[in-house]
């Protein structure tokens, strides 16, 4: 088991004192409640104030209250919860229309992390789940998210990296990947067929936030047993519409269809 850091635990203990009814606490009260040396509490309080996690009470610098940095962190956490809820709602609408599995994913380095999954209504369906990770270059959602990165960030991620294959159709050449990402960027959508799973294909489109960033991607995944070439345009239309709806809920605008 990894070793816990005592200083971090004590800092957390101080912050958690404010979960009670008091909105302000003095250094002496914190010393008494946590039974810590005054010098240790003084150092921790000074550090927490410097980083914005605590504020000194105006007019009485011996009193402390929660600082604005915690509000920022709480807001980010709330946004994540709201995003997951909105992603589920829109993905469910798309899945109801196409009767196939719909995913929403975000990028973490060169991997995608699935944050939403709505199952197909068919008895034969894909095995996946929220929290699953896959190499971005093998997936339609990953290609969308890599295509949405600034050129310097993409170059940094790919520099010296080996692209592993999940199937015999997976891209393993960085040059080939860059060429395909340019096409995805221009088209505003991505396909993959049997590149991450030998028994499935996907089509994905970007989810855009208010700043214009491609913050997530939504996809429809279809088993090869139900794949039809003539159905791809309809699946693409549905996923573009779904990604656009989720983008609108985030205050963003999806890229125009070329």
C-alpha atoms as a PDB file:
ATOM      1  CA  UNK A   1       0.000   0.000   0.000  1.00  0.00           C
ATOM      2  CA  UNK A   2       1.322   3.467  -0.885  1.00  0.00           C
ATOM      3  CA  UNK A   3       2.505   5.612   2.017  1.00  0.00           C
ATOM      4  CA  UNK A   4       0.246   8.520   3.029  1.00  0.00           C
ATOM      5  CA  UNK A   5       1.844  11.949   3.392  1.00  0.00           C
ATOM      6  CA  UNK A   6       1.293  13.300   6.949  1.00  0.00           C
ATOM      7  CA  UNK A   7       1.427  16.983   5.955  1.00  0.00           C
ATOM      8  CA  UNK A   8      -1.253  16.490   3.296  1.00  0.00           C
ATOM      9  CA  UNK A   9      -3.449  14.576   5.741  1.00  0.00           C
ATOM     10  CA  UNK A  10      -3.145  17.397   8.301  1.00  0.00           C
ATOM     11  CA  UNK A  11      -3.975  20.023   5.707  1.00  0.00           C
ATOM     12  CA  UNK A  12      -7.051  18.017   4.722  1.00  0.00           C
ATOM     13  CA  UNK A  13      -8.012  17.708   8.395  1.00  0.00           C
ATOM     14  CA  UNK A  14      -7.906  21.504   8.725  1.00  0.00           C
ATOM     15  CA  UNK A  15     -10.103  22.034   5.679  1.00  0.00           C
ATOM     16  CA  UNK A  16     -12.591  19.404   6.839  1.00  0.00           C
ATOM     17  CA  UNK A  17     -13.078  21.256  10.129  1.00  0.00           C
ATOM     18  CA  UNK A  18     -15.084  23.759   8.096  1.00  0.00           C
ATOM     19  CA  UNK A  19     -17.612  21.056   7.164  1.00  0.00           C
ATOM     20  CA  UNK A  20     -19.232  21.775  10.527  1.00  0.00           C
ATOM     21  CA  UNK A  21     -21.427  24.748  11.400  1.00  0.00           C
ATOM     22  CA  UNK A  22     -18.604  27.256  11.913  1.00  0.00           C
ATOM     23  CA  UNK A  23     -17.699  29.445   8.958  1.00  0.00           C
ATOM     24  CA  UNK A  24     -14.604  30.819  10.698  1.00  0.00           C
ATOM     25  CA  UNK A  25     -12.090  29.213  13.035  1.00  0.00           C
ATOM     26  CA  UNK A  26      -9.137  30.631  14.928  1.00  0.00           C
ATOM     27  CA  UNK A  27      -5.665  29.131  14.856  1.00  0.00           C
ATOM     28  CA  UNK A  28      -6.066  28.311  18.569  1.00  0.00           C
ATOM     29  CA  UNK A  29      -9.310  26.414  17.901  1.00  0.00           C
ATOM     30  CA  UNK A  30      -7.657  24.426  15.114  1.00  0.00           C
ATOM     31  CA  UNK A  31      -4.717  23.562  17.385  1.00  0.00           C
ATOM     32  CA  UNK A  32      -7.113  22.383  20.095  1.00  0.00           C
ATOM     33  CA  UNK A  33      -9.374  20.328  17.856  1.00  0.00           C
ATOM     34  CA  UNK A  34      -6.618  18.591  15.930  1.00  0.00           C
ATOM     35  CA  UNK A  35      -4.216  18.322  18.852  1.00  0.00           C
ATOM     36  CA  UNK A  36      -1.306  19.453  16.721  1.00  0.00           C
ATOM     37  CA  UNK A  37       1.692  21.640  17.680  1.00  0.00           C
ATOM     38  CA  UNK A  38       1.096  25.381  17.225  1.00  0.00           C
ATOM     39  CA  UNK A  39       4.096  25.677  14.930  1.00  0.00           C
ATOM     40  CA  UNK A  40       2.785  22.920  12.649  1.00  0.00           C
ATOM     41  CA  UNK A  41      -0.679  24.495  12.448  1.00  0.00           C
ATOM     42  CA  UNK A  42       0.847  27.921  11.755  1.00  0.00           C
ATOM     43  CA  UNK A  43       2.872  26.526   8.830  1.00  0.00           C
ATOM     44  CA  UNK A  44      -0.119  24.657   7.402  1.00  0.00           C
ATOM     45  CA  UNK A  45      -2.409  27.684   7.708  1.00  0.00           C
ATOM     46  CA  UNK A  46       0.147  29.960   6.067  1.00  0.00           C
ATOM     47  CA  UNK A  47       0.514  27.482   3.184  1.00  0.00           C
ATOM     48  CA  UNK A  48      -3.247  27.085   2.713  1.00  0.00           C
ATOM     49  CA  UNK A  49      -3.769  30.865   2.744  1.00  0.00           C
ATOM     50  CA  UNK A  50      -0.938  31.373   0.241  1.00  0.00           C
ATOM     51  CA  UNK A  51      -2.504  28.827  -2.138  1.00  0.00           C
ATOM     52  CA  UNK A  52      -6.002  30.311  -1.740  1.00  0.00           C
ATOM     53  CA  UNK A  53      -7.588  27.379   0.080  1.00  0.00           C
ATOM     54  CA  UNK A  54      -8.116  29.507   3.184  1.00  0.00           C
ATOM     55  CA  UNK A  55      -8.632  33.236   3.741  1.00  0.00           C
ATOM     56  CA  UNK A  56      -7.894  35.344   6.786  1.00  0.00           C
ATOM     57  CA  UNK A  57     -10.955  37.061   8.225  1.00  0.00           C
ATOM     58  CA  UNK A  58     -11.013  40.777   7.395  1.00  0.00           C
ATOM     59  CA  UNK A  59     -10.273  42.786  10.535  1.00  0.00           C
ATOM     60  CA  UNK A  60      -9.021  39.792  12.511  1.00  0.00           C
ATOM     61  CA  UNK A  61      -6.099  37.907  10.984  1.00  0.00           C
ATOM     62  CA  UNK A  62      -6.249  35.237  13.670  1.00  0.00           C
ATOM     63  CA  UNK A  63      -9.531  33.940  12.186  1.00  0.00           C
ATOM     64  CA  UNK A  64      -9.660  31.788   9.056  1.00  0.00           C
ATOM     65  CA  UNK A  65     -12.380  30.870   6.563  1.00  0.00           C
ATOM     66  CA  UNK A  66     -12.537  28.837   3.356  1.00  0.00           C
ATOM     67  CA  UNK A  67     -10.837  30.460   0.386  1.00  0.00           C
ATOM     68  CA  UNK A  68     -11.827  31.019  -3.262  1.00  0.00           C
ATOM     69  CA  UNK A  69      -9.647  28.193  -4.600  1.00  0.00           C
ATOM     70  CA  UNK A  70     -12.042  25.667  -3.080  1.00  0.00           C
ATOM     71  CA  UNK A  71     -14.934  27.292  -4.914  1.00  0.00           C
ATOM     72  CA  UNK A  72     -13.040  26.890  -8.187  1.00  0.00           C
ATOM     73  CA  UNK A  73     -12.396  23.203  -7.483  1.00  0.00           C
ATOM     74  CA  UNK A  74     -15.998  22.646  -6.426  1.00  0.00           C
ATOM     75  CA  UNK A  75     -17.217  24.342  -9.570  1.00  0.00           C
ATOM     76  CA  UNK A  76     -15.046  22.081 -11.721  1.00  0.00           C
ATOM     77  CA  UNK A  77     -16.391  19.025  -9.911  1.00  0.00           C
ATOM     78  CA  UNK A  78     -19.962  20.241 -10.408  1.00  0.00           C
ATOM     79  CA  UNK A  79     -19.281  20.813 -14.101  1.00  0.00           C
ATOM     80  CA  UNK A  80     -18.013  17.244 -14.396  1.00  0.00           C
ATOM     81  CA  UNK A  81     -21.177  15.892 -12.783  1.00  0.00           C
ATOM     82  CA  UNK A  82     -23.369  18.036 -15.028  1.00  0.00           C
ATOM     83  CA  UNK A  83     -21.400  16.998 -18.112  1.00  0.00           C
ATOM     84  CA  UNK A  84     -21.811  13.297 -17.306  1.00  0.00           C
ATOM     85  CA  UNK A  85     -25.532  13.777 -16.757  1.00  0.00           C
ATOM     86  CA  UNK A  86     -25.971  15.718 -20.003  1.00  0.00           C
ATOM     87  CA  UNK A  87     -23.833  13.201 -21.907  1.00  0.00           C
ATOM     88  CA  UNK A  88     -25.999  10.318 -20.688  1.00  0.00           C
ATOM     89  CA  UNK A  89     -29.195  12.138 -21.640  1.00  0.00           C
ATOM     90  CA  UNK A  90     -28.094  12.947 -25.195  1.00  0.00           C
ATOM     91  CA  UNK A  91     -26.440   9.551 -25.742  1.00  0.00           C
ATOM     92  CA  UNK A  92     -29.693   7.900 -24.697  1.00  0.00           C
ATOM     93  CA  UNK A  93     -31.597   9.891 -27.334  1.00  0.00           C
ATOM     94  CA  UNK A  94     -29.156   8.858 -30.062  1.00  0.00           C
ATOM     95  CA  UNK A  95     -29.191   5.202 -28.965  1.00  0.00           C
ATOM     96  CA  UNK A  96     -32.995   5.211 -29.047  1.00  0.00           C
ATOM     97  CA  UNK A  97     -32.863   6.408 -32.663  1.00  0.00           C
ATOM     98  CA  UNK A  98     -30.230   4.004 -33.969  1.00  0.00           C
ATOM     99  CA  UNK A  99     -30.672   1.056 -31.541  1.00  0.00           C
ATOM    100  CA  UNK A 100     -26.887   0.727 -31.350  1.00  0.00           C
ATOM    101  CA  UNK A 101     -24.363   1.412 -28.563  1.00  0.00           C
ATOM    102  CA  UNK A 102     -23.487   5.080 -28.034  1.00  0.00           C
ATOM    103  CA  UNK A 103     -20.384   6.286 -26.189  1.00  0.00           C
ATOM    104  CA  UNK A 104     -19.071   9.645 -25.016  1.00  0.00           C
ATOM    105  CA  UNK A 105     -15.346   9.867 -24.320  1.00  0.00           C
ATOM    106  CA  UNK A 106     -12.701  12.386 -23.291  1.00  0.00           C
ATOM    107  CA  UNK A 107      -8.972  12.432 -23.966  1.00  0.00           C
ATOM    108  CA  UNK A 108      -6.297  11.678 -21.373  1.00  0.00           C
ATOM    109  CA  UNK A 109      -2.894  11.872 -23.005  1.00  0.00           C
ATOM    110  CA  UNK A 110      -2.927   9.348 -25.843  1.00  0.00           C
ATOM    111  CA  UNK A 111      -5.837   7.402 -24.379  1.00  0.00           C
ATOM    112  CA  UNK A 112      -9.572   7.908 -24.430  1.00  0.00           C
ATOM    113  CA  UNK A 113     -11.653   7.449 -21.301  1.00  0.00           C
ATOM    114  CA  UNK A 114     -15.314   6.572 -21.733  1.00  0.00           C
ATOM    115  CA  UNK A 115     -17.529   8.765 -19.536  1.00  0.00           C
ATOM    116  CA  UNK A 116     -20.910   7.631 -20.850  1.00  0.00           C
ATOM    117  CA  UNK A 117     -22.276   4.481 -22.455  1.00  0.00           C
ATOM    118  CA  UNK A 118     -25.814   3.637 -23.518  1.00  0.00           C
ATOM    119  CA  UNK A 119     -26.274   0.037 -24.633  1.00  0.00           C
ATOM    120  CA  UNK A 120     -27.750  -1.178 -27.857  1.00  0.00           C
ATOM    121  CA  UNK A 121     -31.277  -2.563 -27.698  1.00  0.00           C
ATOM    122  CA  UNK A 122     -30.142  -5.622 -29.679  1.00  0.00           C
ATOM    123  CA  UNK A 123     -29.393  -8.882 -27.895  1.00  0.00           C
ATOM    124  CA  UNK A 124     -25.925  -8.931 -29.478  1.00  0.00           C
ATOM    125  CA  UNK A 125     -24.104  -5.873 -28.163  1.00  0.00           C
ATOM    126  CA  UNK A 126     -20.601  -4.600 -27.529  1.00  0.00           C
ATOM    127  CA  UNK A 127     -18.854  -5.210 -24.224  1.00  0.00           C
ATOM    128  CA  UNK A 128     -17.502  -1.933 -22.847  1.00  0.00           C
ATOM    129  CA  UNK A 129     -18.126   0.349 -19.913  1.00  0.00           C
ATOM    130  CA  UNK A 130     -17.751   3.774 -18.329  1.00  0.00           C
ATOM    131  CA  UNK A 131     -14.179   4.301 -17.175  1.00  0.00           C
ATOM    132  CA  UNK A 132     -12.675   2.011 -19.802  1.00  0.00           C
ATOM    133  CA  UNK A 133      -9.533   3.264 -21.542  1.00  0.00           C
ATOM    134  CA  UNK A 134      -8.336   2.592 -25.079  1.00  0.00           C
ATOM    135  CA  UNK A 135      -5.503   3.949 -27.225  1.00  0.00           C
ATOM    136  CA  UNK A 136      -6.867   7.070 -28.923  1.00  0.00           C
ATOM    137  CA  UNK A 137      -5.355   6.292 -32.328  1.00  0.00           C
ATOM    138  CA  UNK A 138      -7.386   3.062 -32.605  1.00  0.00           C
ATOM    139  CA  UNK A 139     -10.810   4.585 -31.958  1.00  0.00           C
ATOM    140  CA  UNK A 140     -13.130   6.960 -33.782  1.00  0.00           C
ATOM    141  CA  UNK A 141     -13.642   9.055 -30.627  1.00  0.00           C
ATOM    142  CA  UNK A 142      -9.886   9.165 -30.123  1.00  0.00           C
ATOM    143  CA  UNK A 143      -9.231  10.313 -33.664  1.00  0.00           C
ATOM    144  CA  UNK A 144     -11.750  13.112 -33.217  1.00  0.00           C
ATOM    145  CA  UNK A 145     -10.125  14.239 -29.981  1.00  0.00           C
ATOM    146  CA  UNK A 146      -6.584  14.041 -31.356  1.00  0.00           C
ATOM    147  CA  UNK A 147      -7.694  15.966 -34.443  1.00  0.00           C
ATOM    148  CA  UNK A 148      -9.053  18.711 -32.211  1.00  0.00           C
ATOM    149  CA  UNK A 149      -5.725  19.313 -30.454  1.00  0.00           C
ATOM    150  CA  UNK A 150      -3.452  22.257 -31.313  1.00  0.00           C
ATOM    151  CA  UNK A 151      -0.647  21.142 -33.621  1.00  0.00           C
ATOM    152  CA  UNK A 152       2.080  21.685 -31.015  1.00  0.00           C
ATOM    153  CA  UNK A 153       0.204  19.672 -28.386  1.00  0.00           C
ATOM    154  CA  UNK A 154      -0.379  16.811 -30.836  1.00  0.00           C
ATOM    155  CA  UNK A 155       3.303  16.826 -31.815  1.00  0.00           C
ATOM    156  CA  UNK A 156       4.300  16.720 -28.154  1.00  0.00           C
ATOM    157  CA  UNK A 157       2.053  13.733 -27.443  1.00  0.00           C
ATOM    158  CA  UNK A 158       3.230  11.767 -30.481  1.00  0.00           C
ATOM    159  CA  UNK A 159       6.943  12.558 -30.226  1.00  0.00           C
ATOM    160  CA  UNK A 160       8.880   9.316 -29.842  1.00  0.00           C
ATOM    161  CA  UNK A 161       5.733   7.324 -29.042  1.00  0.00           C
ATOM    162  CA  UNK A 162       5.075   3.886 -30.474  1.00  0.00           C
ATOM    163  CA  UNK A 163       1.514   3.359 -31.664  1.00  0.00           C
ATOM    164  CA  UNK A 164       0.477  -0.091 -30.504  1.00  0.00           C
ATOM    165  CA  UNK A 165      -1.944  -2.195 -32.524  1.00  0.00           C
ATOM    166  CA  UNK A 166      -5.119  -3.661 -31.066  1.00  0.00           C
ATOM    167  CA  UNK A 167      -6.046  -5.418 -34.302  1.00  0.00           C
ATOM    168  CA  UNK A 168      -4.389  -6.013 -37.652  1.00  0.00           C
ATOM    169  CA  UNK A 169      -6.213  -2.923 -38.977  1.00  0.00           C
ATOM    170  CA  UNK A 170      -4.914  -0.534 -36.294  1.00  0.00           C
ATOM    171  CA  UNK A 171      -2.815   2.426 -37.406  1.00  0.00           C
ATOM    172  CA  UNK A 172       0.789   2.078 -36.232  1.00  0.00           C
ATOM    173  CA  UNK A 173       2.445   4.827 -38.302  1.00  0.00           C
ATOM    174  CA  UNK A 174       2.552   8.351 -36.871  1.00  0.00           C
ATOM    175  CA  UNK A 175       2.641   9.776 -40.396  1.00  0.00           C
ATOM    176  CA  UNK A 176      -0.445   7.809 -41.415  1.00  0.00           C
ATOM    177  CA  UNK A 177      -2.189   8.921 -38.244  1.00  0.00           C
ATOM    178  CA  UNK A 178      -1.382  12.595 -38.843  1.00  0.00           C
ATOM    179  CA  UNK A 179      -2.710  12.325 -42.393  1.00  0.00           C
ATOM    180  CA  UNK A 180      -5.920  10.750 -41.166  1.00  0.00           C
ATOM    181  CA  UNK A 181      -6.323  13.340 -38.413  1.00  0.00           C
ATOM    182  CA  UNK A 182      -6.082  16.103 -41.008  1.00  0.00           C
ATOM    183  CA  UNK A 183      -9.003  14.463 -42.832  1.00  0.00           C
ATOM    184  CA  UNK A 184     -10.966  14.161 -39.587  1.00  0.00           C
ATOM    185  CA  UNK A 185     -10.316  17.812 -38.782  1.00  0.00           C
ATOM    186  CA  UNK A 186     -11.586  18.862 -42.188  1.00  0.00           C
ATOM    187  CA  UNK A 187     -14.625  16.569 -42.129  1.00  0.00           C
ATOM    188  CA  UNK A 188     -15.616  17.122 -38.493  1.00  0.00           C
ATOM    189  CA  UNK A 189     -16.191  13.373 -38.037  1.00  0.00           C
ATOM    190  CA  UNK A 190     -14.163  10.160 -37.813  1.00  0.00           C
ATOM    191  CA  UNK A 191     -14.616   6.516 -38.727  1.00  0.00           C
ATOM    192  CA  UNK A 192     -12.865   3.347 -37.656  1.00  0.00           C
ATOM    193  CA  UNK A 193     -13.634  -0.165 -38.759  1.00  0.00           C
ATOM    194  CA  UNK A 194     -12.222  -3.080 -36.764  1.00  0.00           C
ATOM    195  CA  UNK A 195      -9.246  -0.986 -35.566  1.00  0.00           C
ATOM    196  CA  UNK A 196      -9.916  -1.286 -31.832  1.00  0.00           C
ATOM    197  CA  UNK A 197     -12.191  -4.317 -31.918  1.00  0.00           C
ATOM    198  CA  UNK A 198     -12.113  -6.885 -34.755  1.00  0.00           C
ATOM    199  CA  UNK A 199     -15.876  -7.245 -34.463  1.00  0.00           C
ATOM    200  CA  UNK A 200     -17.017  -3.607 -34.551  1.00  0.00           C
ATOM    201  CA  UNK A 201     -16.867  -0.282 -36.344  1.00  0.00           C
ATOM    202  CA  UNK A 202     -17.571   3.249 -35.093  1.00  0.00           C
ATOM    203  CA  UNK A 203     -18.381   6.730 -36.305  1.00  0.00           C
ATOM    204  CA  UNK A 204     -17.739   9.731 -34.044  1.00  0.00           C
ATOM    205  CA  UNK A 205     -18.194  13.495 -33.971  1.00  0.00           C
ATOM    206  CA  UNK A 206     -16.769  16.210 -31.686  1.00  0.00           C
ATOM    207  CA  UNK A 207     -18.448  17.782 -28.677  1.00  0.00           C
ATOM    208  CA  UNK A 208     -17.455  21.452 -28.543  1.00  0.00           C
ATOM    209  CA  UNK A 209     -17.493  23.702 -25.460  1.00  0.00           C
ATOM    210  CA  UNK A 210     -18.125  27.444 -25.222  1.00  0.00           C
ATOM    211  CA  UNK A 211     -14.441  28.173 -25.861  1.00  0.00           C
ATOM    212  CA  UNK A 212     -14.566  26.258 -29.160  1.00  0.00           C
ATOM    213  CA  UNK A 213     -12.452  23.344 -27.902  1.00  0.00           C
ATOM    214  CA  UNK A 214     -13.216  19.742 -28.878  1.00  0.00           C
ATOM    215  CA  UNK A 215     -13.600  18.595 -25.265  1.00  0.00           C
ATOM    216  CA  UNK A 216     -15.273  15.229 -25.896  1.00  0.00           C
ATOM    217  CA  UNK A 217     -16.430  12.950 -28.675  1.00  0.00           C
ATOM    218  CA  UNK A 218     -19.611  10.949 -29.170  1.00  0.00           C
ATOM    219  CA  UNK A 219     -19.763   7.750 -31.187  1.00  0.00           C
ATOM    220  CA  UNK A 220     -22.074   5.055 -32.449  1.00  0.00           C
ATOM    221  CA  UNK A 221     -20.546   1.556 -32.337  1.00  0.00           C
ATOM    222  CA  UNK A 222     -21.875  -1.144 -34.635  1.00  0.00           C
ATOM    223  CA  UNK A 223     -20.997  -4.869 -34.583  1.00  0.00           C
ATOM    224  CA  UNK A 224     -19.722  -6.141 -37.917  1.00  0.00           C
ATOM    225  CA  UNK A 225     -22.637  -8.577 -37.984  1.00  0.00           C
ATOM    226  CA  UNK A 226     -25.000  -5.591 -38.378  1.00  0.00           C
ATOM    227  CA  UNK A 227     -22.692  -3.398 -40.443  1.00  0.00           C
ATOM    228  CA  UNK A 228     -23.995  -2.114 -43.790  1.00  0.00           C
ATOM    229  CA  UNK A 229     -22.070   0.280 -46.005  1.00  0.00           C
ATOM    230  CA  UNK A 230     -25.242   2.053 -47.029  1.00  0.00           C
ATOM    231  CA  UNK A 231     -26.111   2.787 -43.392  1.00  0.00           C
ATOM    232  CA  UNK A 232     -22.921   4.744 -42.565  1.00  0.00           C
ATOM    233  CA  UNK A 233     -24.300   8.098 -43.812  1.00  0.00           C
ATOM    234  CA  UNK A 234     -27.352   7.738 -41.554  1.00  0.00           C
ATOM    235  CA  UNK A 235     -25.241   6.785 -38.551  1.00  0.00           C
ATOM    236  CA  UNK A 236     -22.945   9.734 -39.257  1.00  0.00           C
ATOM    237  CA  UNK A 237     -25.942  12.076 -39.460  1.00  0.00           C
ATOM    238  CA  UNK A 238     -27.277  10.824 -36.121  1.00  0.00           C
ATOM    239  CA  UNK A 239     -23.946  11.152 -34.326  1.00  0.00           C
ATOM    240  CA  UNK A 240     -23.360  14.641 -35.722  1.00  0.00           C
ATOM    241  CA  UNK A 241     -26.779  15.664 -34.471  1.00  0.00           C
ATOM    242  CA  UNK A 242     -26.157  14.084 -31.056  1.00  0.00           C
ATOM    243  CA  UNK A 243     -22.734  15.698 -30.665  1.00  0.00           C
ATOM    244  CA  UNK A 244     -24.216  19.027 -31.759  1.00  0.00           C
ATOM    245  CA  UNK A 245     -26.970  18.732 -29.151  1.00  0.00           C
ATOM    246  CA  UNK A 246     -24.462  18.000 -26.379  1.00  0.00           C
ATOM    247  CA  UNK A 247     -22.283  20.878 -27.622  1.00  0.00           C
ATOM    248  CA  UNK A 248     -25.275  23.227 -27.458  1.00  0.00           C
ATOM    249  CA  UNK A 249     -25.964  22.155 -23.887  1.00  0.00           C
ATOM    250  CA  UNK A 250     -22.366  23.090 -23.026  1.00  0.00           C
ATOM    251  CA  UNK A 251     -22.733  26.472 -24.697  1.00  0.00           C
ATOM    252  CA  UNK A 252     -20.630  25.479 -27.685  1.00  0.00           C
ATOM    253  CA  UNK A 253     -21.159  25.281 -31.409  1.00  0.00           C
ATOM    254  CA  UNK A 254     -20.237  22.156 -33.410  1.00  0.00           C
ATOM    255  CA  UNK A 255     -18.047  22.528 -36.499  1.00  0.00           C
ATOM    256  CA  UNK A 256     -19.955  23.102 -39.696  1.00  0.00           C
ATOM    257  CA  UNK A 257     -20.376  20.087 -41.950  1.00  0.00           C
ATOM    258  CA  UNK A 258     -18.192  20.519 -45.051  1.00  0.00           C
END
